[in-house]
All heavy atoms as atom14 arrays in JSON, in Angstrom:
{
  "sequence": "HVPIPFAEFMTLLSSRYVDFAHGVLTEWDWGMVNRHRTAWDLLLFKA",
  "atom14_mask": [
    [1, 1, 1, 1, 1, 1, 1, 1, 1, 1, 0, 0, 0, 0],
    [1, 1, 1, 1, 1, 1, 1, 0, 0, 0, 0, 0, 0, 0],
    [1, 1, 1, 1, 1, 1, 1, 0, 0, 0, 0, 0, 0, 0],
    [1, 1, 1, 1, 1, 1, 1, 1, 0, 0, 0, 0, 0, 0],
    [1, 1, 1, 1, 1, 1, 1, 0, 0, 0, 0, 0, 0, 0],
    [1, 1, 1, 1, 1, 1, 1, 1, 1, 1, 1, 0, 0, 0],
    [1, 1, 1, 1, 1, 0, 0, 0, 0, 0, 0, 0, 0, 0],
    [1, 1, 1, 1, 1, 1, 1, 1, 1, 0, 0, 0, 0, 0],
    [1, 1, 1, 1, 1, 1, 1, 1, 1, 1, 1, 0, 0, 0],
    [1, 1, 1, 1, 1, 1, 1, 1, 0, 0, 0, 0, 0, 0],
    [1, 1, 1, 1, 1, 1, 1, 0, 0, 0, 0, 0, 0, 0],
    [1, 1, 1, 1, 1, 1, 1, 1, 0, 0, 0, 0, 0, 0],
    [1, 1, 1, 1, 1, 1, 1, 1, 0, 0, 0, 0, 0, 0],
    [1, 1, 1, 1, 1, 1, 0, 0, 0, 0, 0, 0, 0, 0],
    [1, 1, 1, 1, 1, 1, 0, 0, 0, 0, 0, 0, 0, 0],
    [1, 1, 1, 1, 1, 1, 1, 1, 1, 1, 1, 0, 0, 0],
    [1, 1, 1, 1, 1, 1, 1, 1, 1, 1, 1, 1, 0, 0],
    [1, 1, 1, 1, 1, 1, 1, 0, 0, 0, 0, 0, 0, 0],
    [1, 1, 1, 1, 1, 1, 1, 1, 0, 0, 0, 0, 0, 0],
    [1, 1, 1, 1, 1, 1, 1, 1, 1, 1, 1, 0, 0, 0],
    [1, 1, 1, 1, 1, 0, 0, 0, 0, 0, 0, 0, 0, 0],
    [1, 1, 1, 1, 1, 1, 1, 1, 1, 1, 0, 0, 0, 0],
    [1, 1, 1, 1, 0, 0, 0, 0, 0, 0, 0, 0, 0, 0],
    [1, 1, 1, 1, 1, 1, 1, 0, 0, 0, 0, 0, 0, 0],
    [1, 1, 1, 1, 1, 1, 1, 1, 0, 0, 0, 0, 0, 0],
    [1, 1, 1, 1, 1, 1, 1, 0, 0, 0, 0, 0, 0, 0],
    [1, 1, 1, 1, 1, 1, 1, 1, 1, 0, 0, 0, 0, 0],
    [1, 1, 1, 1, 1, 1, 1, 1, 1, 1, 1, 1, 1, 1],
    [1, 1, 1, 1, 1, 1, 1, 1, 0, 0, 0, 0, 0, 0],
    [1, 1, 1, 1, 1, 1, 1, 1, 1, 1, 1, 1, 1, 1],
    [1, 1, 1, 1, 0, 0, 0, 0, 0, 0, 0, 0, 0, 0],
    [1, 1, 1, 1, 1, 1, 1, 1, 0, 0, 0, 0, 0, 0],
    [1, 1, 1, 1, 1, 1, 1, 0, 0, 0, 0, 0, 0, 0],
    [1, 1, 1, 1, 1, 1, 1, 1, 0, 0, 0, 0, 0, 0],
    [1, 1, 1, 1, 1, 1, 1, 1, 1, 1, 1, 0, 0, 0],
    [1, 1, 1, 1, 1, 1, 1, 1, 1, 1, 0, 0, 0, 0],
    [1, 1, 1, 1, 1, 1, 1, 1, 1, 1, 1, 0, 0, 0],
    [1, 1, 1, 1, 1, 1, 1, 0, 0, 0, 0, 0, 0, 0],
    [1, 1, 1, 1, 1, 0, 0, 0, 0, 0, 0, 0, 0, 0],
    [1, 1, 1, 1, 1, 1, 1, 1, 1, 1, 1, 1, 1, 1],
    [1, 1, 1, 1, 1, 1, 1, 1, 0, 0, 0, 0, 0, 0],
    [1, 1, 1, 1, 1, 1, 1, 1, 0, 0, 0, 0, 0, 0],
    [1, 1, 1, 1, 1, 1, 1, 1, 0, 0, 0, 0, 0, 0],
    [1, 1, 1, 1, 1, 1, 1, 1, 0, 0, 0, 0, 0, 0],
    [1, 1, 1, 1, 1, 1, 1, 1, 1, 1, 1, 0, 0, 0],
    [1, 1, 1, 1, 1, 1, 1, 1, 1, 0, 0, 0, 0, 0],
    [1, 1, 1, 1, 1, 0, 0, 0, 0, 0, 0, 0, 0, 0]
  ],
  "atom14_positions": [
    [[-154.78, -66.79, -124.99], [-155.3, -66.89, -126.37], [-155.58, -65.52, -126.96], [-155.32, -65.28, -128.13], [-156.56, -67.76, -126.4], [-156.29, -69.18, -125.96], [-155.51, -70.04, -126.66], [-156.69, -69.83, -124.85], [-155.45, -71.2, -126.04], [-156.17, -71.09, -124.92], [0.0, 0.0, 0.0], [0.0, 0.0, 0.0], [0.0, 0.0, 0.0], [0.0, 0.0, 0.0]],
    [[-156.1, -64.65, -126.15], [-156.35, -63.29, -126.6], [-155.25, -62.39, -126.04], [-155.16, -62.25, -124.81], [-157.76, -62.77, -126.11], [-157.97, -61.36, -126.56], [-158.84, -63.72, -126.58], [0.0, 0.0, 0.0], [0.0, 0.0, 0.0], [0.0, 0.0, 0.0], [0.0, 0.0, 0.0], [0.0, 0.0, 0.0], [0.0, 0.0, 0.0], [0.0, 0.0, 0.0]],
    [[-154.36, -61.88, -126.86], [-153.28, -61.05, -126.34], [-153.83, -59.79, -125.65], [-154.69, -59.12, -126.19], [-152.45, -60.7, -127.56], [-153.11, -61.3, -128.71], [-154.35, -61.98, -128.3], [0.0, 0.0, 0.0], [0.0, 0.0, 0.0], [0.0, 0.0, 0.0], [0.0, 0.0, 0.0], [0.0, 0.0, 0.0], [0.0, 0.0, 0.0], [0.0, 0.0, 0.0]],
    [[-153.33, -59.55, -124.46], [-153.74, -58.35, -123.75], [-152.49, -57.43, -123.62], [-151.37, -57.9, -123.64], [-154.32, -58.69, -122.36], [-153.29, -59.47, -121.53], [-155.59, -59.46, -122.48], [-153.77, -59.76, -120.11], [0.0, 0.0, 0.0], [0.0, 0.0, 0.0], [0.0, 0.0, 0.0], [0.0, 0.0, 0.0], [0.0, 0.0, 0.0], [0.0, 0.0, 0.0]],
    [[-152.71, -56.15, -123.49], [-151.59, -55.21, -123.35], [-150.8, -55.52, -122.06], [-151.35, -56.01, -121.06], [-152.26, -53.84, -123.26], [-153.62, -54.03, -123.83], [-153.99, -55.46, -123.59], [0.0, 0.0, 0.0], [0.0, 0.0, 0.0], [0.0, 0.0, 0.0], [0.0, 0.0, 0.0], [0.0, 0.0, 0.0], [0.0, 0.0, 0.0], [0.0, 0.0, 0.0]],
    [[-149.53, -55.22, -122.12], [-148.65, -55.56, -121.01], [-149.06, -54.84, -119.71], [-149.0, -55.44, -118.64], [-147.19, -55.24, -121.35], [-146.21, -55.77, -120.36], [-145.96, -57.12, -120.3], [-145.56, -54.92, -119.49], [-145.05, -57.65, -119.38], [-144.65, -55.43, -118.58], [-144.4, -56.79, -118.51], [0.0, 0.0, 0.0], [0.0, 0.0, 0.0], [0.0, 0.0, 0.0]],
    [[-149.47, -53.6, -119.81], [-149.88, -52.85, -118.59], [-151.09, -53.52, -117.95], [-151.15, -53.66, -116.72], [-150.18, -51.4, -118.97], [0.0, 0.0, 0.0], [0.0, 0.0, 0.0], [0.0, 0.0, 0.0], [0.0, 0.0, 0.0], [0.0, 0.0, 0.0], [0.0, 0.0, 0.0], [0.0, 0.0, 0.0], [0.0, 0.0, 0.0], [0.0, 0.0, 0.0]],
    [[-152.05, -53.94, -118.77], [-153.23, -54.64, -118.23], [-152.82, -55.98, -117.64], [-153.35, -56.41, -116.6], [-154.25, -54.8, -119.35], [-155.56, -55.39, -118.9], [-156.54, -55.49, -120.07], [-156.53, -54.63, -120.94], [-157.32, -56.46, -120.07], [0.0, 0.0, 0.0], [0.0, 0.0, 0.0], [0.0, 0.0, 0.0], [0.0, 0.0, 0.0], [0.0, 0.0, 0.0]],
    [[-151.89, -56.64, -118.31], [-151.4, -57.94, -117.8], [-150.72, -57.73, -116.44], [-150.91, -58.56, -115.54], [-150.42, -58.53, -118.81], [-149.76, -59.78, -118.32], [-150.46, -60.99, -118.27], [-148.45, -59.79, -117.89], [-149.87, -62.12, -117.84], [-147.84, -60.93, -117.46], [-148.56, -62.11, -117.41], [0.0, 0.0, 0.0], [0.0, 0.0, 0.0], [0.0, 0.0, 0.0]],
    [[-149.94, -56.69, -116.25], [-149.29, -56.45, -114.97], [-150.3, -56.16, -113.86], [-150.1, -56.56, -112.72], [-148.28, -55.29, -115.1], [-147.05, -55.66, -115.92], [-146.22, -57.15, -115.35], [-145.51, -56.59, -113.81], [0.0, 0.0, 0.0], [0.0, 0.0, 0.0], [0.0, 0.0, 0.0], [0.0, 0.0, 0.0], [0.0, 0.0, 0.0], [0.0, 0.0, 0.0]],
    [[-151.39, -55.47, -114.2], [-152.43, -55.23, -113.22], [-153.07, -56.55, -112.8], [-153.29, -56.81, -111.61], [-153.52, -54.29, -113.8], [-152.88, -53.1, -114.25], [-154.58, -53.96, -112.77], [0.0, 0.0, 0.0], [0.0, 0.0, 0.0], [0.0, 0.0, 0.0], [0.0, 0.0, 0.0], [0.0, 0.0, 0.0], [0.0, 0.0, 0.0], [0.0, 0.0, 0.0]],
    [[-153.38, -57.38, -113.79], [-153.93, -58.72, -113.49], [-152.93, -59.53, -112.68], [-153.3, -60.22, -111.74], [-154.25, -59.43, -114.83], [-154.68, -60.88, -114.74], [-156.05, -60.98, -114.07], [-154.7, -61.5, -116.12], [0.0, 0.0, 0.0], [0.0, 0.0, 0.0], [0.0, 0.0, 0.0], [0.0, 0.0, 0.0], [0.0, 0.0, 0.0], [0.0, 0.0, 0.0]],
    [[-151.68, -59.46, -113.05], [-150.65, -60.22, -112.35], [-150.48, -59.77, -110.92], [-150.3, -60.61, -110.02], [-149.31, -60.05, -113.1], [-148.13, -60.87, -112.6], [-148.46, -62.35, -112.64], [-146.91, -60.59, -113.47], [0.0, 0.0, 0.0], [0.0, 0.0, 0.0], [0.0, 0.0, 0.0], [0.0, 0.0, 0.0], [0.0, 0.0, 0.0], [0.0, 0.0, 0.0]],
    [[-150.55, -58.48, -110.65], [-150.41, -58.01, -109.28], [-151.57, -58.5, -108.43], [-151.39, -58.86, -107.25], [-150.3, -56.5, -109.23], [-151.44, -55.89, -109.76], [0.0, 0.0, 0.0], [0.0, 0.0, 0.0], [0.0, 0.0, 0.0], [0.0, 0.0, 0.0], [0.0, 0.0, 0.0], [0.0, 0.0, 0.0], [0.0, 0.0, 0.0], [0.0, 0.0, 0.0]],
    [[-152.79, -58.53, -108.97], [-153.93, -59.04, -108.21], [-153.78, -60.57, -107.96], [-154.11, -61.07, -106.89], [-155.26, -58.73, -108.89], [-155.35, -59.44, -110.09], [0.0, 0.0, 0.0], [0.0, 0.0, 0.0], [0.0, 0.0, 0.0], [0.0, 0.0, 0.0], [0.0, 0.0, 0.0], [0.0, 0.0, 0.0], [0.0, 0.0, 0.0], [0.0, 0.0, 0.0]],
    [[-153.24, -61.27, -108.95], [-153.01, -62.72, -108.77], [-151.93, -62.95, -107.72], [-152.01, -63.9, -106.93], [-152.59, -63.36, -110.09], [-153.74, -63.48, -111.06], [-153.38, -64.18, -112.32], [-152.9, -65.53, -111.99], [-152.29, -66.32, -112.85], [-152.07, -65.91, -114.07], [-151.9, -67.51, -112.52], [0.0, 0.0, 0.0], [0.0, 0.0, 0.0], [0.0, 0.0, 0.0]],
    [[-150.92, -62.07, -107.69], [-149.87, -62.22, -106.7], [-150.4, -61.98, -105.28], [-150.04, -62.7, -104.35], [-148.71, -61.26, -107.01], [-147.65, -61.32, -105.93], [-146.78, -62.4, -105.87], [-147.53, -60.31, -104.98], [-145.83, -62.48, -104.88], [-146.57, -60.36, -104.0], [-145.72, -61.45, -103.95], [-144.78, -61.53, -102.96], [0.0, 0.0, 0.0], [0.0, 0.0, 0.0]],
    [[-151.27, -60.98, -105.13], [-151.85, -60.74, -103.82], [-152.64, -61.95, -103.35], [-152.56, -62.36, -102.19], [-152.72, -59.46, -103.86], [-153.56, -59.3, -102.6], [-151.85, -58.22, -104.06], [0.0, 0.0, 0.0], [0.0, 0.0, 0.0], [0.0, 0.0, 0.0], [0.0, 0.0, 0.0], [0.0, 0.0, 0.0], [0.0, 0.0, 0.0], [0.0, 0.0, 0.0]],
    [[-153.43, -62.57, -104.26], [-154.19, -63.75, -103.92], [-153.24, -64.91, -103.54], [-153.47, -65.64, -102.59], [-155.08, -64.2, -105.09], [-156.21, -63.22, -105.35], [-156.54, -62.44, -104.4], [-156.77, -63.25, -106.43], [0.0, 0.0, 0.0], [0.0, 0.0, 0.0], [0.0, 0.0, 0.0], [0.0, 0.0, 0.0], [0.0, 0.0, 0.0], [0.0, 0.0, 0.0]],
    [[-152.16, -65.06, -104.3], [-151.18, -66.13, -104.03], [-150.53, -65.92, -102.66], [-150.43, -66.85, -101.86], [-150.1, -66.14, -105.13], [-148.9, -67.0, -104.79], [-148.99, -68.37, -104.85], [-147.7, -66.4, -104.43], [-147.9, -69.15, -104.55], [-146.6, -67.18, -104.15], [-146.7, -68.56, -104.19], [0.0, 0.0, 0.0], [0.0, 0.0, 0.0], [0.0, 0.0, 0.0]],
    [[-150.06, -64.7, -102.39], [-149.41, -64.39, -101.11], [-150.38, -64.56, -99.94], [-150.01, -65.1, -98.9], [-148.83, -62.99, -101.11], [0.0, 0.0, 0.0], [0.0, 0.0, 0.0], [0.0, 0.0, 0.0], [0.0, 0.0, 0.0], [0.0, 0.0, 0.0], [0.0, 0.0, 0.0], [0.0, 0.0, 0.0], [0.0, 0.0, 0.0], [0.0, 0.0, 0.0]],
    [[-151.63, -64.15, -100.13], [-152.63, -64.33, -99.08], [-152.87, -65.81, -98.81], [-152.96, -66.24, -97.65], [-153.94, -63.63, -99.48], [-155.0, -63.73, -98.43], [-155.96, -64.71, -98.44], [-155.23, -62.96, -97.36], [-156.74, -64.55, -97.4], [-156.32, -63.49, -96.71], [0.0, 0.0, 0.0], [0.0, 0.0, 0.0], [0.0, 0.0, 0.0], [0.0, 0.0, 0.0]],
    [[-152.96, -66.62, -99.87], [-153.14, -68.04, -99.69], [-151.97, -68.71, -99.0], [-152.17, -69.58, -98.12], [0.0, 0.0, 0.0], [0.0, 0.0, 0.0], [0.0, 0.0, 0.0], [0.0, 0.0, 0.0], [0.0, 0.0, 0.0], [0.0, 0.0, 0.0], [0.0, 0.0, 0.0], [0.0, 0.0, 0.0], [0.0, 0.0, 0.0], [0.0, 0.0, 0.0]],
    [[-150.75, -68.31, -99.33], [-149.59, -68.9, -98.66], [-149.52, -68.52, -97.21], [-149.28, -69.36, -96.33], [-148.28, -68.46, -99.39], [-147.06, -68.81, -98.59], [-148.21, -69.07, -100.77], [0.0, 0.0, 0.0], [0.0, 0.0, 0.0], [0.0, 0.0, 0.0], [0.0, 0.0, 0.0], [0.0, 0.0, 0.0], [0.0, 0.0, 0.0], [0.0, 0.0, 0.0]],
    [[-149.77, -67.25, -96.89], [-149.61, -66.78, -95.52], [-150.77, -67.23, -94.61], [-150.55, -67.45, -93.41], [-149.5, -65.26, -95.5], [-148.22, -64.71, -96.15], [-148.27, -63.17, -96.21], [-146.98, -65.19, -95.41], [0.0, 0.0, 0.0], [0.0, 0.0, 0.0], [0.0, 0.0, 0.0], [0.0, 0.0, 0.0], [0.0, 0.0, 0.0], [0.0, 0.0, 0.0]],
    [[-151.97, -67.33, -95.13], [-153.12, -67.64, -94.27], [-153.5, -69.11, -94.26], [-153.87, -69.66, -93.21], [-154.35, -66.8, -94.66], [-154.68, -67.1, -96.01], [-154.08, -65.33, -94.49], [0.0, 0.0, 0.0], [0.0, 0.0, 0.0], [0.0, 0.0, 0.0], [0.0, 0.0, 0.0], [0.0, 0.0, 0.0], [0.0, 0.0, 0.0], [0.0, 0.0, 0.0]],
    [[-153.4, -69.77, -95.39], [-153.86, -71.15, -95.48], [-152.77, -72.16, -95.87], [-153.03, -73.34, -96.04], [-154.97, -71.25, -96.52], [-156.15, -70.36, -96.21], [-157.11, -70.28, -97.38], [-156.96, -71.08, -98.34], [-157.97, -69.42, -97.37], [0.0, 0.0, 0.0], [0.0, 0.0, 0.0], [0.0, 0.0, 0.0], [0.0, 0.0, 0.0], [0.0, 0.0, 0.0]],
    [[-151.51, -71.65, -96.04], [-150.39, -72.48, -96.49], [-150.72, -73.15, -97.81], [-150.33, -74.3, -98.1], [-150.02, -73.53, -95.42], [-148.64, -74.01, -95.54], [-148.28, -75.28, -95.86], [-147.41, -73.3, -95.35], [-146.91, -75.4, -95.88], [-146.36, -74.18, -95.58], [-147.12, -72.0, -95.01], [-145.03, -73.83, -95.46], [-145.79, -71.65, -94.91], [-144.77, -72.56, -95.14]],
    [[-151.42, -72.43, -98.67], [-151.83, -72.9, -99.99], [-150.82, -72.37, -101.0], [-150.81, -71.2, -101.32], [-153.23, -72.44, -100.3], [-153.67, -72.86, -101.69], [-153.09, -73.8, -102.26], [-154.62, -72.25, -102.22], [0.0, 0.0, 0.0], [0.0, 0.0, 0.0], [0.0, 0.0, 0.0], [0.0, 0.0, 0.0], [0.0, 0.0, 0.0], [0.0, 0.0, 0.0]],
    [[-149.99, -73.24, -101.59], [-148.95, -72.82, -102.53], [-149.41, -72.94, -103.96], [-148.63, -72.74, -104.88], [-147.69, -73.69, -102.3], [-146.98, -73.33, -101.05], [-147.25, -73.84, -99.81], [-145.94, -72.39, -100.87], [-146.43, -73.27, -98.87], [-145.62, -72.37, -99.51], [-145.25, -71.54, -101.75], [-144.62, -71.55, -98.99], [-144.26, -70.74, -101.22], [-143.97, -70.73, -99.86]],
    [[-150.65, -73.25, -104.16], [-151.17, -73.31, -105.51], [-151.25, -74.74, -106.03], [-150.94, -75.69, -105.35], [0.0, 0.0, 0.0], [0.0, 0.0, 0.0], [0.0, 0.0, 0.0], [0.0, 0.0, 0.0], [0.0, 0.0, 0.0], [0.0, 0.0, 0.0], [0.0, 0.0, 0.0], [0.0, 0.0, 0.0], [0.0, 0.0, 0.0], [0.0, 0.0, 0.0]],
    [[-151.64, -74.83, -107.31], [-151.8, -76.14, -107.97], [-150.67, -76.35, -108.98], [-150.31, -75.42, -109.72], [-153.14, -76.18, -108.68], [-154.35, -76.01, -107.78], [-154.57, -77.35, -106.61], [-155.18, -78.62, -107.68], [0.0, 0.0, 0.0], [0.0, 0.0, 0.0], [0.0, 0.0, 0.0], [0.0, 0.0, 0.0], [0.0, 0.0, 0.0], [0.0, 0.0, 0.0]],
    [[-150.15, -77.56, -109.04], [-149.15, -77.92, -110.02], [-149.88, -78.23, -111.32], [-149.49, -77.8, -112.39], [-148.33, -79.13, -109.56], [-147.38, -79.59, -110.62], [-147.58, -78.79, -108.29], [0.0, 0.0, 0.0], [0.0, 0.0, 0.0], [0.0, 0.0, 0.0], [0.0, 0.0, 0.0], [0.0, 0.0, 0.0], [0.0, 0.0, 0.0], [0.0, 0.0, 0.0]],
    [[-150.92, -79.02, -111.23], [-151.81, -79.27, -112.33], [-153.23, -79.34, -111.77], [-153.43, -79.03, -110.62], [-151.41, -80.53, -113.13], [-151.31, -81.74, -112.24], [-152.05, -81.87, -111.27], [-150.41, -82.64, -112.58], [0.0, 0.0, 0.0], [0.0, 0.0, 0.0], [0.0, 0.0, 0.0], [0.0, 0.0, 0.0], [0.0, 0.0, 0.0], [0.0, 0.0, 0.0]],
    [[-154.17, -79.79, -112.53], [-155.55, -79.75, -112.05], [-155.82, -80.75, -110.92], [-156.8, -80.61, -110.19], [-156.49, -80.07, -113.2], [-156.52, -78.96, -114.21], [-157.58, -79.21, -115.27], [-157.6, -78.06, -116.13], [-157.7, -78.14, -117.43], [-157.77, -79.31, -118.03], [-157.72, -77.06, -118.16], [0.0, 0.0, 0.0], [0.0, 0.0, 0.0], [0.0, 0.0, 0.0]],
    [[-154.96, -81.73, -110.75], [-155.25, -82.79, -109.77], [-154.32, -82.8, -108.57], [-154.5, -83.58, -107.68], [-155.18, -84.16, -110.47], [-156.01, -84.24, -111.69], [-157.39, -84.23, -111.65], [-155.7, -84.3, -112.98], [-157.87, -84.28, -112.87], [-156.86, -84.34, -113.72], [0.0, 0.0, 0.0], [0.0, 0.0, 0.0], [0.0, 0.0, 0.0], [0.0, 0.0, 0.0]],
    [[-153.29, -81.96, -108.59], [-152.27, -82.06, -107.53], [-151.82, -80.66, -107.07], [-151.52, -79.81, -107.85], [-151.07, -82.81, -108.09], [-150.1, -83.27, -107.1], [-149.11, -84.16, -107.75], [-148.78, -85.2, -106.82], [-148.0, -86.21, -107.11], [-147.51, -86.32, -108.31], [-147.74, -87.12, -106.22], [0.0, 0.0, 0.0], [0.0, 0.0, 0.0], [0.0, 0.0, 0.0]],
    [[-151.77, -80.49, -105.74], [-151.3, -79.24, -105.18], [-149.76, -79.26, -105.11], [-149.14, -80.33, -105.14], [-151.86, -78.98, -103.79], [-151.35, -79.97, -102.89], [-153.38, -78.99, -103.79], [0.0, 0.0, 0.0], [0.0, 0.0, 0.0], [0.0, 0.0, 0.0], [0.0, 0.0, 0.0], [0.0, 0.0, 0.0], [0.0, 0.0, 0.0], [0.0, 0.0, 0.0]],
    [[-149.17, -78.1, -104.99], [-147.73, -77.99, -104.87], [-147.23, -78.67, -103.61], [-146.18, -79.3, -103.58], [-147.3, -76.53, -104.92], [0.0, 0.0, 0.0], [0.0, 0.0, 0.0], [0.0, 0.0, 0.0], [0.0, 0.0, 0.0], [0.0, 0.0, 0.0], [0.0, 0.0, 0.0], [0.0, 0.0, 0.0], [0.0, 0.0, 0.0], [0.0, 0.0, 0.0]],
    [[-148.0, -78.55, -102.53], [-147.62, -79.16, -101.24], [-147.61, -80.68, -101.37], [-146.72, -81.35, -100.84], [-148.55, -78.68, -100.16], [-148.13, -79.1, -98.8], [-148.79, -79.97, -97.98], [-146.98, -78.69, -98.08], [-148.1, -80.12, -96.82], [-146.98, -79.34, -96.85], [-145.93, -77.82, -98.38], [-146.0, -79.18, -95.9], [-144.93, -77.66, -97.43], [-144.97, -78.32, -96.21]],
    [[-148.6, -81.25, -102.04], [-148.64, -82.72, -102.25], [-147.43, -83.18, -103.06], [-146.85, -84.21, -102.77], [-149.91, -83.14, -102.96], [-151.16, -82.96, -102.08], [-151.0, -82.95, -100.84], [-152.26, -82.84, -102.64], [0.0, 0.0, 0.0], [0.0, 0.0, 0.0], [0.0, 0.0, 0.0], [0.0, 0.0, 0.0], [0.0, 0.0, 0.0], [0.0, 0.0, 0.0]],
    [[-147.08, -82.41, -104.07], [-145.93, -82.77, -104.9], [-144.66, -82.72, -104.06], [-143.78, -83.59, -104.18], [-145.83, -81.84, -106.11], [-144.7, -82.16, -107.07], [-144.9, -83.5, -107.75], [-144.59, -81.06, -108.12], [0.0, 0.0, 0.0], [0.0, 0.0, 0.0], [0.0, 0.0, 0.0], [0.0, 0.0, 0.0], [0.0, 0.0, 0.0], [0.0, 0.0, 0.0]],
    [[-144.52, -81.71, -103.21], [-143.37, -81.58, -102.35], [-143.27, -82.79, -101.42], [-142.2, -83.37, -101.27], [-143.42, -80.29, -101.57], [-142.29, -80.11, -100.56], [-141.0, -79.77, -101.29], [-142.64, -79.07, -99.55], [0.0, 0.0, 0.0], [0.0, 0.0, 0.0], [0.0, 0.0, 0.0], [0.0, 0.0, 0.0], [0.0, 0.0, 0.0], [0.0, 0.0, 0.0]],
    [[-144.36, -83.15, -100.81], [-144.36, -84.3, -99.87], [-144.06, -85.6, -100.59], [-143.48, -86.51, -100.02], [-145.71, -84.38, -99.13], [-145.96, -83.24, -98.15], [-147.34, -83.43, -97.5], [-144.88, -83.2, -97.07], [0.0, 0.0, 0.0], [0.0, 0.0, 0.0], [0.0, 0.0, 0.0], [0.0, 0.0, 0.0], [0.0, 0.0, 0.0], [0.0, 0.0, 0.0]],
    [[-144.45, -85.71, -101.86], [-144.2, -86.91, -102.64], [-142.7, -86.99, -103.02], [-142.1, -88.07, -102.96], [-145.06, -86.91, -103.9], [-144.78, -88.06, -104.82], [-145.17, -89.34, -104.5], [-144.11, -87.86, -106.02], [-144.89, -90.39, -105.34], [-143.86, -88.9, -106.89], [-144.24, -90.19, -106.53], [0.0, 0.0, 0.0], [0.0, 0.0, 0.0], [0.0, 0.0, 0.0]],
    [[-142.1, -85.88, -103.37], [-140.73, -85.89, -103.86], [-139.69, -85.71, -102.74], [-138.51, -86.04, -102.96], [-140.51, -84.77, -104.9], [-141.43, -84.97, -106.09], [-140.68, -84.75, -107.33], [-141.66, -84.96, -108.49], [-141.0, -85.5, -109.61], [0.0, 0.0, 0.0], [0.0, 0.0, 0.0], [0.0, 0.0, 0.0], [0.0, 0.0, 0.0], [0.0, 0.0, 0.0]],
    [[-140.07, -85.22, -101.58], [-139.1, -84.95, -100.53], [-138.33, -86.17, -100.05], [-137.11, -86.09, -99.86], [-139.81, -84.26, -99.35], [0.0, 0.0, 0.0], [0.0, 0.0, 0.0], [0.0, 0.0, 0.0], [0.0, 0.0, 0.0], [0.0, 0.0, 0.0], [0.0, 0.0, 0.0], [0.0, 0.0, 0.0], [0.0, 0.0, 0.0], [0.0, 0.0, 0.0]]
  ]
}
């Protein structure tokens, strides 16, 4: 909603990526598809 400069956005994005990669490697957490469903649950449902 509030536009941020691209350089600041990339800094934010890199920290989000580190959190994402840490979650995948340590807890097998691939994130949320929406507020009620994880990506892993969606995969198991559609597989």
